[in-house]
Amino acid sequence: MEINNRHFLYPAAIHVSSSPCIINTILGSCVAVCLYDQVNRFGGMNHFMLPLWNGQGLASPKYGNIAIEKLTEKMINLGSGKNNLIAKVFGGGDVIDTLHSQLNIGHRNVDVAVQILEELRIPVKSSSLGGKLGRKISFNTYTGGVSQRYINRQLR
């Protein structure tokens, strides 16, 4: 089945489609969570940049805890049963060298994604996390399939 509906997902964004769609994004230290409804055959993706919203300012989906909650809500609002959902998680690369482990945003983003999905009881069926390279992700919302291509670091 060829899918003509394509969407590029920018950082701090969420896209859910009940009709077949290919969602593409590019990740470095950011994390993308793909949720797929195995019964109704549709899905969505988020792309978050930072692990936790601190409660000040706007509760934006640029934060992992907000992005995963909002993605799950959007799936349920489109008719998904929470028990039908599976997750696939990507990103969290160490694409910026740092000497301070607390600045390791990629690792912290991964930890938040795994923890929140566990709390929501949404099983993670596959993942590609960490490492030193970025990733280009393509998620098929009809089949739940995800393809990934690594992006080499550019030396200056």
Protein backbone atom coordinates (compact mmCIF):
# COMPACT_ATOMS: atom_id res chain seq x y z
CA MET A 1 0.00 0.00 0.00
CA GLU A 2 1.49 3.32 -1.04
CA ILE A 3 0.95 6.16 1.40
CA ASN A 4 0.89 9.65 -0.05
CA ASN A 5 0.14 11.46 3.20
CA ARG A 6 3.49 12.54 4.68
CA HIS A 7 4.27 14.77 7.64
CA PHE A 8 7.61 16.16 8.85
CA LEU A 9 7.64 16.41 12.63
CA TYR A 10 9.61 19.32 14.04
CA PRO A 11 11.01 19.45 17.59
CA ALA A 12 8.41 20.15 20.29
CA ALA A 13 5.63 18.82 18.06
CA ILE A 14 3.15 15.93 18.04
CA HIS A 15 1.36 14.41 15.06
CA VAL A 16 -1.35 11.73 15.19
CA SER A 17 -3.16 10.39 12.14
CA SER A 18 -6.11 8.01 12.00
CA SER A 19 -5.57 7.69 8.24
CA PRO A 20 -2.37 6.14 6.83
CA CYS A 21 0.54 8.58 7.09
CA ILE A 22 4.33 8.53 7.07
CA ILE A 23 5.75 10.72 9.85
CA ASN A 24 9.41 11.70 9.45
CA THR A 25 11.73 13.40 11.91
CA ILE A 26 15.42 13.90 12.59
CA LEU A 27 16.83 13.28 16.07
CA GLY A 28 20.06 14.05 17.89
CA SER A 29 19.75 14.22 21.68
CA CYS A 30 15.98 14.59 21.24
CA VAL A 31 13.70 11.56 21.64
CA ALA A 32 10.72 10.50 19.54
CA VAL A 33 8.05 8.19 20.91
CA CYS A 34 5.90 6.43 18.30
CA LEU A 35 2.60 5.09 19.62
CA TYR A 36 0.72 2.54 17.54
CA ASP A 37 -2.79 1.17 18.08
CA GLN A 38 -2.53 -2.49 17.03
CA VAL A 39 -6.31 -2.98 16.84
CA ASN A 40 -7.44 0.19 15.04
CA ARG A 41 -4.22 0.46 12.97
CA PHE A 42 -3.24 4.08 13.44
CA GLY A 43 -0.54 5.94 15.24
CA GLY A 44 1.27 9.09 16.21
CA MET A 45 4.66 10.45 17.14
CA ASN A 46 6.12 13.12 19.37
CA HIS A 47 9.55 14.77 19.25
CA PHE A 48 10.76 16.22 22.53
CA MET A 49 13.93 18.13 23.36
CA LEU A 50 14.15 18.20 27.16
CA PRO A 51 13.22 15.63 29.80
CA LEU A 52 10.97 17.38 32.34
CA TRP A 53 8.80 20.47 32.51
CA ASN A 54 9.60 22.34 35.73
CA GLY A 55 6.08 23.70 36.19
CA GLN A 56 6.95 27.24 35.12
CA GLY A 57 5.78 28.83 31.89
CA LEU A 58 3.92 26.89 29.21
CA ALA A 59 3.53 23.10 29.56
CA SER A 60 5.00 22.54 26.12
CA PRO A 61 5.50 19.24 24.31
CA LYS A 62 9.18 20.17 24.05
CA TYR A 63 9.35 18.41 27.44
CA GLY A 64 9.20 14.60 27.55
CA ASN A 65 6.70 14.30 30.38
CA ILE A 66 4.28 16.64 28.59
CA ALA A 67 4.88 15.24 25.08
CA ILE A 68 4.20 11.62 26.03
CA GLU A 69 1.09 12.53 28.02
CA LYS A 70 -0.30 14.65 25.14
CA LEU A 71 0.49 11.98 22.52
CA THR A 72 -1.33 9.36 24.59
CA GLU A 73 -4.33 11.69 25.05
CA LYS A 74 -4.51 12.38 21.30
CA MET A 75 -4.46 8.64 20.53
CA ILE A 76 -7.26 7.98 23.03
CA ASN A 77 -9.27 10.94 21.71
CA LEU A 78 -9.11 9.40 18.21
CA GLY A 79 -10.61 6.16 19.55
CA SER A 80 -7.65 4.14 20.73
CA GLY A 81 -7.97 1.92 23.75
CA LYS A 82 -4.95 2.38 26.02
CA ASN A 83 -4.51 -1.41 26.17
CA ASN A 84 -4.15 -1.47 22.37
CA LEU A 85 -1.08 0.79 22.41
CA ILE A 86 2.53 -0.18 21.89
CA ALA A 87 5.50 2.17 21.81
CA LYS A 88 8.69 2.42 19.79
CA VAL A 89 11.30 4.84 21.11
CA PHE A 90 14.20 6.46 19.26
CA GLY A 91 16.95 9.02 19.78
CA GLY A 92 18.75 10.31 22.84
CA GLY A 93 22.14 10.35 21.16
CA ASP A 94 25.22 11.98 22.66
CA VAL A 95 25.68 14.22 19.65
CA ILE A 96 27.23 17.06 21.65
CA ASP A 97 30.38 16.28 23.60
CA THR A 98 30.24 17.41 27.23
CA LEU A 99 32.35 16.87 30.32
CA HIS A 100 29.39 17.23 32.68
CA SER A 101 27.19 14.15 32.97
CA GLN A 102 24.23 16.18 34.27
CA LEU A 103 24.19 17.99 30.92
CA ASN A 104 23.79 14.71 29.06
CA ILE A 105 20.35 15.61 27.73
CA GLY A 106 20.07 12.59 25.44
CA HIS A 107 20.47 10.10 28.28
CA ARG A 108 18.05 12.05 30.49
CA ASN A 109 15.49 12.19 27.65
CA VAL A 110 15.71 8.41 27.21
CA ASP A 111 15.26 7.81 30.95
CA VAL A 112 12.13 9.98 31.04
CA ALA A 113 10.59 8.26 28.01
CA VAL A 114 11.16 4.76 29.39
CA GLN A 115 9.93 5.72 32.87
CA ILE A 116 6.73 7.44 31.71
CA LEU A 117 5.80 4.66 29.28
CA GLU A 118 6.33 2.15 32.09
CA GLU A 119 4.09 4.22 34.41
CA LEU A 120 1.42 4.36 31.68
CA ARG A 121 1.80 0.58 31.18
CA ILE A 122 2.47 1.03 27.47
CA PRO A 123 4.94 -1.66 26.38
CA VAL A 124 8.03 -0.61 24.43
CA LYS A 125 8.23 -3.09 21.53
CA SER A 126 11.41 -1.71 19.98
CA SER A 127 13.90 1.06 20.47
CA SER A 128 17.14 2.54 19.19
CA LEU A 129 18.59 4.77 21.86
CA GLY A 130 21.81 6.54 22.77
CA GLY A 131 25.06 6.26 20.88
CA LYS A 132 27.01 9.06 19.24
CA LEU A 133 25.01 9.51 16.02
CA GLY A 134 21.80 11.26 15.05
CA ARG A 135 18.92 9.41 13.41
CA LYS A 136 16.36 9.97 10.68
CA ILE A 137 13.11 8.19 11.57
CA SER A 138 10.14 7.29 9.33
CA PHE A 139 7.02 5.96 11.07
CA ASN A 140 4.19 4.32 9.13
CA THR A 141 1.03 5.03 11.12
CA TYR A 142 -0.88 2.27 9.29
CA THR A 143 1.50 -0.65 9.87
CA GLY A 144 3.35 0.60 12.93
CA GLY A 145 6.64 0.02 11.14
CA VAL A 146 9.58 2.35 11.72
CA SER A 147 12.65 2.72 9.55
CA GLN A 148 15.79 4.38 10.83
CA ARG A 149 18.91 5.72 9.20
CA TYR A 150 21.91 6.92 11.19
CA ILE A 151 23.27 10.38 10.46
CA ASN A 152 27.04 10.76 10.61
CA ARG A 153 28.54 13.54 12.70
CA GLN A 154 29.89 16.48 10.79
CA LEU A 155 33.43 17.45 11.72
CA ARG A 156 34.33 21.13 11.52
